Amino acid sequence: MDKDRIEGSAHQAKGKLKEVAGKATGDAKTAAEGTAEKTAGKVQNTIGGLKDAVKKTVGH
């Protein structure tokens, strides 16, 4: 598994927690930051998945 997938998953989880905390406390800025971090984590995870697919195709 590519390190981007691991880090991306961690960012998604952290972003989700931040988003929920922001919504629970009524802090729109924290909620928005959490949403942004969660989205960035999804992108990083996707990139890691593509790298894994290329490695499997190339045979490394």
N, C-alpha and C. Protein backbone atom coordinates (compact mmCIF):
# COMPACT_ATOMS: atom_id res chain seq x y z
N MET A 1 0.86 -1.18 0.00
CA MET A 1 0.00 0.00 0.00
C MET A 1 0.90 1.24 0.00
N ASP A 2 0.57 2.16 -0.85
CA ASP A 2 1.34 3.39 -0.99
C ASP A 2 1.16 4.28 0.23
N LYS A 3 2.23 4.99 0.60
CA LYS A 3 2.16 5.86 1.79
C LYS A 3 1.14 6.98 1.60
N ASP A 4 0.88 7.39 0.36
CA ASP A 4 -0.14 8.42 0.13
C ASP A 4 -1.52 7.92 0.55
N ARG A 5 -1.78 6.65 0.37
CA ARG A 5 -3.08 6.10 0.78
C ARG A 5 -3.21 6.13 2.29
N ILE A 6 -2.14 5.79 2.98
CA ILE A 6 -2.17 5.78 4.45
C ILE A 6 -2.34 7.20 4.98
N GLU A 7 -1.51 8.12 4.48
CA GLU A 7 -1.60 9.51 4.93
C GLU A 7 -2.94 10.13 4.53
N GLY A 8 -3.42 9.80 3.35
CA GLY A 8 -4.70 10.33 2.90
C GLY A 8 -5.85 9.89 3.80
N SER A 9 -5.81 8.63 4.20
CA SER A 9 -6.85 8.12 5.10
C SER A 9 -6.78 8.81 6.46
N ALA A 10 -5.57 9.07 6.92
CA ALA A 10 -5.41 9.77 8.19
C ALA A 10 -5.95 11.19 8.10
N HIS A 11 -5.68 11.87 6.99
CA HIS A 11 -6.19 13.23 6.81
C HIS A 11 -7.72 13.24 6.72
N GLN A 12 -8.27 12.23 6.07
CA GLN A 12 -9.73 12.14 5.99
C GLN A 12 -10.34 12.01 7.38
N ALA A 13 -9.77 11.14 8.18
CA ALA A 13 -10.29 10.92 9.54
C ALA A 13 -10.15 12.19 10.39
N LYS A 14 -8.98 12.80 10.33
CA LYS A 14 -8.74 14.03 11.10
C LYS A 14 -9.68 15.14 10.64
N GLY A 15 -9.86 15.26 9.33
CA GLY A 15 -10.76 16.28 8.79
C GLY A 15 -12.19 16.06 9.22
N LYS A 16 -12.61 14.81 9.23
CA LYS A 16 -13.98 14.49 9.64
C LYS A 16 -14.20 14.87 11.10
N LEU A 17 -13.24 14.55 11.95
CA LEU A 17 -13.36 14.91 13.37
C LEU A 17 -13.43 16.43 13.55
N LYS A 18 -12.58 17.14 12.81
CA LYS A 18 -12.56 18.59 12.89
C LYS A 18 -13.88 19.18 12.38
N GLU A 19 -14.40 18.61 11.31
CA GLU A 19 -15.67 19.06 10.74
C GLU A 19 -16.81 18.87 11.74
N VAL A 20 -16.87 17.70 12.35
CA VAL A 20 -17.93 17.40 13.32
C VAL A 20 -17.80 18.30 14.55
N ALA A 21 -16.56 18.49 15.02
CA ALA A 21 -16.35 19.35 16.18
C ALA A 21 -16.78 20.79 15.87
N GLY A 22 -16.44 21.26 14.68
CA GLY A 22 -16.83 22.62 14.28
C GLY A 22 -18.34 22.78 14.22
N LYS A 23 -19.01 21.78 13.66
CA LYS A 23 -20.47 21.84 13.58
C LYS A 23 -21.10 21.78 14.97
N ALA A 24 -20.54 20.93 15.83
CA ALA A 24 -21.10 20.77 17.18
C ALA A 24 -20.96 22.03 18.02
N THR A 25 -19.87 22.77 17.80
CA THR A 25 -19.63 23.97 18.58
C THR A 25 -20.12 25.23 17.88
N GLY A 26 -20.62 25.07 16.66
CA GLY A 26 -21.10 26.23 15.91
C GLY A 26 -19.97 27.06 15.31
N ASP A 27 -18.78 26.48 15.22
CA ASP A 27 -17.61 27.17 14.68
C ASP A 27 -17.50 26.86 13.19
N ALA A 28 -18.02 27.75 12.36
CA ALA A 28 -18.05 27.52 10.92
C ALA A 28 -16.65 27.41 10.32
N LYS A 29 -15.70 28.17 10.86
CA LYS A 29 -14.34 28.13 10.33
C LYS A 29 -13.71 26.75 10.54
N THR A 30 -13.86 26.21 11.74
CA THR A 30 -13.30 24.89 12.04
C THR A 30 -13.99 23.83 11.20
N ALA A 31 -15.30 23.93 11.04
CA ALA A 31 -16.03 22.98 10.21
C ALA A 31 -15.55 23.03 8.77
N ALA A 32 -15.34 24.22 8.24
CA ALA A 32 -14.87 24.38 6.86
C ALA A 32 -13.45 23.84 6.71
N GLU A 33 -12.59 24.10 7.70
CA GLU A 33 -11.23 23.56 7.66
C GLU A 33 -11.26 22.03 7.66
N GLY A 34 -12.14 21.47 8.46
CA GLY A 34 -12.28 20.02 8.52
C GLY A 34 -12.73 19.44 7.19
N THR A 35 -13.69 20.10 6.56
CA THR A 35 -14.17 19.65 5.25
C THR A 35 -13.06 19.72 4.23
N ALA A 36 -12.28 20.79 4.25
CA ALA A 36 -11.17 20.94 3.31
C ALA A 36 -10.11 19.87 3.53
N GLU A 37 -9.79 19.59 4.79
CA GLU A 37 -8.78 18.58 5.09
C GLU A 37 -9.27 17.19 4.68
N LYS A 38 -10.55 16.94 4.91
CA LYS A 38 -11.13 15.65 4.52
C LYS A 38 -11.06 15.46 3.00
N THR A 39 -11.36 16.52 2.26
CA THR A 39 -11.31 16.47 0.80
C THR A 39 -9.87 16.27 0.32
N ALA A 40 -8.93 16.98 0.93
CA ALA A 40 -7.52 16.82 0.56
C ALA A 40 -7.06 15.38 0.83
N GLY A 41 -7.54 14.81 1.91
CA GLY A 41 -7.20 13.42 2.22
C GLY A 41 -7.75 12.45 1.18
N LYS A 42 -8.94 12.72 0.69
CA LYS A 42 -9.53 11.87 -0.35
C LYS A 42 -8.70 11.94 -1.62
N VAL A 43 -8.26 13.15 -1.97
CA VAL A 43 -7.43 13.32 -3.17
C VAL A 43 -6.11 12.56 -3.00
N GLN A 44 -5.46 12.71 -1.84
CA GLN A 44 -4.20 12.04 -1.58
C GLN A 44 -4.39 10.53 -1.62
N ASN A 45 -5.48 10.04 -1.07
CA ASN A 45 -5.77 8.61 -1.07
C ASN A 45 -5.95 8.11 -2.50
N THR A 46 -6.63 8.89 -3.32
CA THR A 46 -6.85 8.51 -4.72
C THR A 46 -5.53 8.44 -5.46
N ILE A 47 -4.66 9.41 -5.23
CA ILE A 47 -3.33 9.41 -5.87
C ILE A 47 -2.56 8.15 -5.46
N GLY A 48 -2.63 7.81 -4.20
CA GLY A 48 -1.97 6.58 -3.72
C GLY A 48 -2.54 5.35 -4.39
N GLY A 49 -3.84 5.32 -4.59
CA GLY A 49 -4.47 4.20 -5.27
C GLY A 49 -4.00 4.08 -6.71
N LEU A 50 -3.85 5.22 -7.37
CA LEU A 50 -3.36 5.21 -8.75
C LEU A 50 -1.92 4.70 -8.80
N LYS A 51 -1.11 5.13 -7.83
CA LYS A 51 0.28 4.66 -7.77
C LYS A 51 0.32 3.14 -7.57
N ASP A 52 -0.56 2.63 -6.70
CA ASP A 52 -0.63 1.19 -6.47
C ASP A 52 -1.00 0.45 -7.76
N ALA A 53 -1.97 1.01 -8.49
CA ALA A 53 -2.42 0.38 -9.73
C ALA A 53 -1.30 0.35 -10.76
N VAL A 54 -0.54 1.44 -10.84
CA VAL A 54 0.57 1.49 -11.79
C VAL A 54 1.64 0.45 -11.41
N LYS A 55 1.92 0.35 -10.11
CA LYS A 55 2.91 -0.63 -9.66
C LYS A 55 2.49 -2.05 -10.01
N LYS A 56 1.20 -2.35 -9.86
CA LYS A 56 0.70 -3.68 -10.19
C LYS A 56 0.78 -3.94 -11.69
N THR A 57 0.50 -2.91 -12.48
CA THR A 57 0.54 -3.05 -13.93
C THR A 57 1.96 -3.24 -14.42
N VAL A 58 2.88 -2.48 -13.86
CA VAL A 58 4.29 -2.55 -14.26
C VAL A 58 4.94 -3.81 -13.70
N GLY A 59 4.44 -4.27 -12.56
CA GLY A 59 4.95 -5.49 -11.96
C GLY A 59 6.02 -5.28 -10.92
N HIS A 60 5.99 -4.15 -10.27
CA HIS A 60 7.00 -3.88 -9.22
C HIS A 60 6.43 -4.25 -7.92
